Amino acid sequence: MRIAVIDDEKYSRVELIHQIRQCLPQAEIQEAGNGVQAMALLEKETFHILFIDIHLGDMEGTTVAALARRLMPEAKIVFATAYSEYAVTAFELGVDNYILKPFDPARIRQVLEQYSQTASPSPLRSEDRLAISSNRHTILLDVDDIAYIETDGSGRGCLLHTLSGEEYTGNSPMSEYESRLEGRGFYRIHKTCLVRLKYIQDIFPWNNSSFALRVRGSSSPLPIGRDRVKELRRRLHI
């Protein structure tokens, strides 16, 4: 199970993570200490449960929760707050639950047991694999293995490149892959290329004052469209 803990108070994060590990020792937990970090985390990763503090210092937790709901509609969102009056606000915003500070271990366990039972029992969810139609075959490719996707030059299909260096040919157009991978941390850096943001290794000057990048597992430079540089920098927070 993948869990995010988003809180600007370090002690609260440490305590909540400790409580979660007491209940779910095998859980994969990531944390963010403010709203900006949280936004970056949500754009790159997906989670089953998100614990979000109401006040994050640089922004309201409600803003982060709204982004999480849009990117991960199936995820369970739990507000963490020191004030019980925010419970009503939480439910009005469509948040699934809330917990109060200081954290009660029994309450944490109750929430985790409730949502761990509703999560997929398999560590591999259907959306974690991408079905690729190629030469009358259907290939099921793990999304986390995909480093980038580029058009095949014919205008009819795409080449999917993995971290291991393997290459798969798909019959679908780039627009379809972009739609199917929405909310999974991919960004279309050019009309011909879709990359996984967390696998970007470096960005560097390219031809005619433009830029290109490389992703993990590949030495090929991938040009960035001039009109996409600004948004890419925003998503990478650089």
Protein backbone atom coordinates (compact mmCIF):
# COMPACT_ATOMS: atom_id res chain seq x y z
CA MET A 1 0.00 0.00 0.00
CA ARG A 2 1.27 3.47 -0.93
CA ILE A 3 0.64 6.25 1.59
CA ALA A 4 1.50 9.97 1.58
CA VAL A 5 1.89 12.03 4.76
CA ILE A 6 1.69 15.78 4.09
CA ASP A 7 2.26 18.06 7.08
CA ASP A 8 4.41 21.14 7.66
CA GLU A 9 5.17 20.11 11.25
CA LYS A 10 8.07 17.66 11.25
CA TYR A 11 7.15 16.16 14.63
CA SER A 12 3.61 15.45 13.43
CA ARG A 13 4.90 13.77 10.26
CA VAL A 14 7.34 11.61 12.18
CA GLU A 15 4.71 10.60 14.72
CA LEU A 16 2.07 9.79 12.12
CA ILE A 17 4.51 7.79 9.99
CA HIS A 18 5.52 5.85 13.12
CA GLN A 19 1.87 5.06 13.87
CA ILE A 20 1.24 3.96 10.29
CA ARG A 21 4.26 1.65 10.33
CA GLN A 22 3.00 0.10 13.56
CA CYS A 23 -0.15 -0.90 11.71
CA LEU A 24 1.20 -1.47 8.19
CA PRO A 25 4.91 -2.30 8.36
CA GLN A 26 5.04 -3.12 4.65
CA ALA A 27 3.46 0.17 3.52
CA GLU A 28 5.43 2.44 1.18
CA ILE A 29 5.28 5.88 2.78
CA GLN A 30 6.37 9.20 1.29
CA GLU A 31 6.17 12.61 2.94
CA ALA A 32 6.01 16.31 2.10
CA GLY A 33 6.70 19.21 4.45
CA ASN A 34 4.72 21.93 2.68
CA GLY A 35 2.25 22.55 -0.11
CA VAL A 36 4.82 23.03 -2.86
CA GLN A 37 6.52 19.74 -2.01
CA ALA A 38 3.13 18.06 -1.87
CA MET A 39 2.16 19.32 -5.33
CA ALA A 40 5.42 18.01 -6.78
CA LEU A 41 4.93 14.65 -5.07
CA LEU A 42 1.38 14.22 -6.33
CA GLU A 43 2.36 15.00 -9.91
CA LYS A 44 5.00 12.25 -9.87
CA GLU A 45 3.48 9.51 -7.70
CA THR A 46 0.15 7.83 -6.96
CA PHE A 47 -1.15 6.73 -3.56
CA HIS A 48 -3.88 4.65 -1.96
CA ILE A 49 -4.22 6.93 1.10
CA LEU A 50 -3.17 10.55 1.70
CA PHE A 51 -3.00 12.14 5.14
CA ILE A 52 -3.09 15.91 4.64
CA ASP A 53 -2.74 18.64 7.28
CA ILE A 54 -5.35 21.40 7.00
CA HIS A 55 -2.75 24.19 7.27
CA LEU A 56 0.52 23.66 5.42
CA GLY A 57 2.15 27.02 5.98
CA ASP A 58 2.52 28.00 2.32
CA MET A 59 -1.00 26.93 1.30
CA GLU A 60 -4.16 25.29 2.58
CA GLY A 61 -4.44 21.54 2.69
CA THR A 62 -7.74 21.86 0.85
CA THR A 63 -5.82 22.99 -2.26
CA VAL A 64 -3.60 19.92 -2.10
CA ALA A 65 -6.61 17.70 -1.48
CA ALA A 66 -8.35 19.10 -4.58
CA LEU A 67 -5.32 18.27 -6.74
CA ALA A 68 -5.08 14.78 -5.22
CA ARG A 69 -8.75 14.15 -5.92
CA ARG A 70 -8.32 15.19 -9.55
CA LEU A 71 -5.15 13.15 -10.13
CA MET A 72 -6.15 10.11 -8.04
CA PRO A 73 -9.94 9.86 -7.87
CA GLU A 74 -9.80 6.43 -6.21
CA ALA A 75 -7.39 7.47 -3.43
CA LYS A 76 -8.67 7.96 0.13
CA ILE A 77 -7.99 11.43 1.51
CA VAL A 78 -7.77 11.94 5.27
CA PHE A 79 -7.46 15.41 6.80
CA ALA A 80 -5.21 15.76 9.86
CA THR A 81 -6.09 18.70 12.11
CA ALA A 82 -5.92 19.88 15.69
CA TYR A 83 -9.42 21.35 15.47
CA SER A 84 -12.52 19.17 15.48
CA GLU A 85 -14.64 21.86 13.79
CA TYR A 86 -12.82 21.12 10.53
CA ALA A 87 -14.47 17.71 10.42
CA VAL A 88 -17.57 19.22 8.81
CA THR A 89 -15.42 21.09 6.29
CA ALA A 90 -13.65 17.88 5.41
CA PHE A 91 -16.82 16.07 4.47
CA GLU A 92 -18.19 19.09 2.62
CA LEU A 93 -15.07 18.99 0.44
CA GLY A 94 -15.53 15.31 -0.31
CA VAL A 95 -12.63 14.22 1.87
CA ASP A 96 -13.05 10.63 3.06
CA ASN A 97 -12.12 11.02 6.72
CA TYR A 98 -10.26 13.07 9.32
CA ILE A 99 -8.02 12.49 12.33
CA LEU A 100 -7.29 14.81 15.22
CA LYS A 101 -3.98 15.89 16.70
CA PRO A 102 -2.44 14.67 18.92
CA PHE A 103 -2.83 11.39 17.07
CA ASP A 104 -4.67 8.56 18.76
CA PRO A 105 -3.11 5.20 17.77
CA ALA A 106 -6.48 3.48 17.94
CA ARG A 107 -7.99 6.04 15.58
CA ILE A 108 -5.10 5.69 13.12
CA ARG A 109 -5.48 1.92 13.15
CA GLN A 110 -9.23 2.23 12.58
CA VAL A 111 -8.74 4.42 9.51
CA LEU A 112 -5.99 2.25 8.07
CA GLU A 113 -7.93 -0.97 8.58
CA GLN A 114 -10.96 0.56 6.92
CA TYR A 115 -9.14 1.70 3.81
CA SER A 116 -6.64 -1.12 3.50
CA GLN A 117 -9.61 -3.47 3.18
CA THR A 118 -11.10 -1.43 0.32
CA ALA A 119 -7.80 -1.14 -1.54
CA SER A 120 -6.97 -3.67 -4.22
CA PRO A 121 -5.61 -6.85 -2.64
CA SER A 122 -3.08 -7.13 -5.44
CA PRO A 123 0.04 -4.95 -5.40
CA LEU A 124 -0.47 -4.48 -9.13
CA ARG A 125 -3.65 -2.58 -10.01
CA SER A 126 -5.17 -2.57 -13.47
CA GLU A 127 -4.10 1.04 -14.00
CA ASP A 128 -0.51 0.04 -13.19
CA ARG A 129 -0.29 -1.73 -16.55
CA LEU A 130 -0.75 -0.39 -20.03
CA ALA A 131 -2.22 -2.60 -22.74
CA ILE A 132 -0.33 -2.13 -26.01
CA SER A 133 -1.76 -3.43 -29.27
CA SER A 134 1.00 -4.37 -31.70
CA ASN A 135 0.96 -6.70 -34.73
CA ARG A 136 -2.18 -8.52 -33.58
CA HIS A 137 -0.68 -9.03 -30.12
CA THR A 138 -1.61 -7.36 -26.83
CA ILE A 139 1.31 -6.61 -24.51
CA LEU A 140 0.71 -5.66 -20.87
CA LEU A 141 3.47 -3.25 -19.88
CA ASP A 142 4.01 -1.99 -16.33
CA VAL A 143 3.51 1.78 -16.31
CA ASP A 144 6.44 2.25 -13.92
CA ASP A 145 8.71 0.61 -16.50
CA ILE A 146 7.92 3.23 -19.14
CA ALA A 147 10.55 5.98 -19.41
CA TYR A 148 9.12 7.76 -22.45
CA ILE A 149 6.91 7.35 -25.50
CA GLU A 150 7.58 8.82 -28.92
CA THR A 151 5.79 8.75 -32.25
CA ASP A 152 7.09 6.15 -34.70
CA GLY A 153 7.46 8.62 -37.56
CA SER A 154 4.66 7.16 -39.63
CA GLY A 155 1.90 9.03 -37.82
CA ARG A 156 0.09 5.77 -37.12
CA GLY A 157 1.66 4.51 -33.89
CA CYS A 158 4.23 5.04 -31.15
CA LEU A 159 7.40 3.54 -29.69
CA LEU A 160 7.36 2.90 -25.94
CA HIS A 161 10.80 2.92 -24.30
CA THR A 162 11.39 1.22 -20.94
CA LEU A 163 13.98 1.76 -18.21
CA SER A 164 15.68 -1.48 -19.20
CA GLY A 165 16.22 -0.21 -22.74
CA GLU A 166 13.55 -2.41 -24.33
CA GLU A 167 11.37 -0.88 -27.01
CA TYR A 168 7.76 -1.73 -27.86
CA THR A 169 5.74 -0.67 -30.87
CA GLY A 170 2.13 0.30 -30.24
CA ASN A 171 -0.57 0.93 -32.81
CA SER A 172 -2.28 3.73 -30.86
CA PRO A 173 -1.62 7.45 -31.54
CA MET A 174 0.23 9.65 -29.04
CA SER A 175 -2.98 11.41 -27.99
CA GLU A 176 -4.44 8.12 -26.79
CA TYR A 177 -1.41 7.25 -24.67
CA GLU A 178 -1.42 10.76 -23.22
CA SER A 179 -5.07 10.39 -22.25
CA ARG A 180 -4.65 6.90 -20.78
CA LEU A 181 -1.65 8.00 -18.70
CA GLU A 182 -3.18 11.24 -17.41
CA GLY A 183 -2.49 11.67 -13.73
CA ARG A 184 0.36 9.15 -13.76
CA GLY A 185 3.25 11.63 -13.80
CA PHE A 186 3.76 11.91 -17.57
CA TYR A 187 4.16 15.17 -19.49
CA ARG A 188 4.16 15.76 -23.24
CA ILE A 189 7.37 17.72 -23.81
CA HIS A 190 6.85 17.83 -27.57
CA LYS A 191 4.10 16.86 -29.98
CA THR A 192 6.17 13.75 -30.69
CA CYS A 193 7.21 12.76 -27.14
CA LEU A 194 5.65 11.94 -23.76
CA VAL A 195 8.02 11.44 -20.79
CA ARG A 196 7.75 10.20 -17.20
CA LEU A 197 8.68 13.21 -15.09
CA LYS A 198 10.36 11.29 -12.29
CA TYR A 199 12.77 9.65 -14.76
CA ILE A 200 14.14 12.92 -16.17
CA GLN A 201 17.87 13.05 -15.42
CA ASP A 202 19.07 16.28 -17.01
CA ILE A 203 17.94 19.21 -19.14
CA PHE A 204 20.41 20.99 -21.40
CA PRO A 205 20.66 23.52 -24.27
CA TRP A 206 19.85 22.16 -27.70
CA ASN A 207 19.67 23.45 -31.27
CA ASN A 208 18.76 27.09 -31.97
CA SER A 209 18.49 28.20 -28.33
CA SER A 210 16.05 25.42 -27.47
CA PHE A 211 16.35 22.67 -24.84
CA ALA A 212 16.39 18.91 -24.68
CA LEU A 213 16.45 16.32 -21.89
CA ARG A 214 17.51 12.78 -21.16
CA VAL A 215 15.66 10.19 -19.14
CA ARG A 216 16.95 7.33 -17.05
CA GLY A 217 17.92 4.26 -19.06
CA SER A 218 18.51 6.16 -22.31
CA SER A 219 21.27 8.34 -23.78
CA SER A 220 19.00 9.76 -26.49
CA PRO A 221 18.38 13.53 -26.30
CA LEU A 222 14.66 14.34 -26.35
CA PRO A 223 13.89 17.85 -27.68
CA ILE A 224 11.51 20.00 -25.64
CA GLY A 225 9.00 22.14 -27.52
CA ARG A 226 9.60 25.85 -27.01
CA ASP A 227 6.02 26.30 -25.86
CA ARG A 228 6.40 23.50 -23.27
CA VAL A 229 9.56 24.56 -21.44
CA LYS A 230 7.82 26.86 -18.97
CA GLU A 231 5.21 24.28 -17.94
CA LEU A 232 7.86 21.57 -17.67
CA ARG A 233 9.91 23.77 -15.33
CA ARG A 234 6.79 24.43 -13.26
CA ARG A 235 6.07 20.74 -12.93
CA LEU A 236 9.65 20.00 -11.96
CA HIS A 237 9.79 23.07 -9.67
CA ILE A 238 12.96 24.42 -11.27
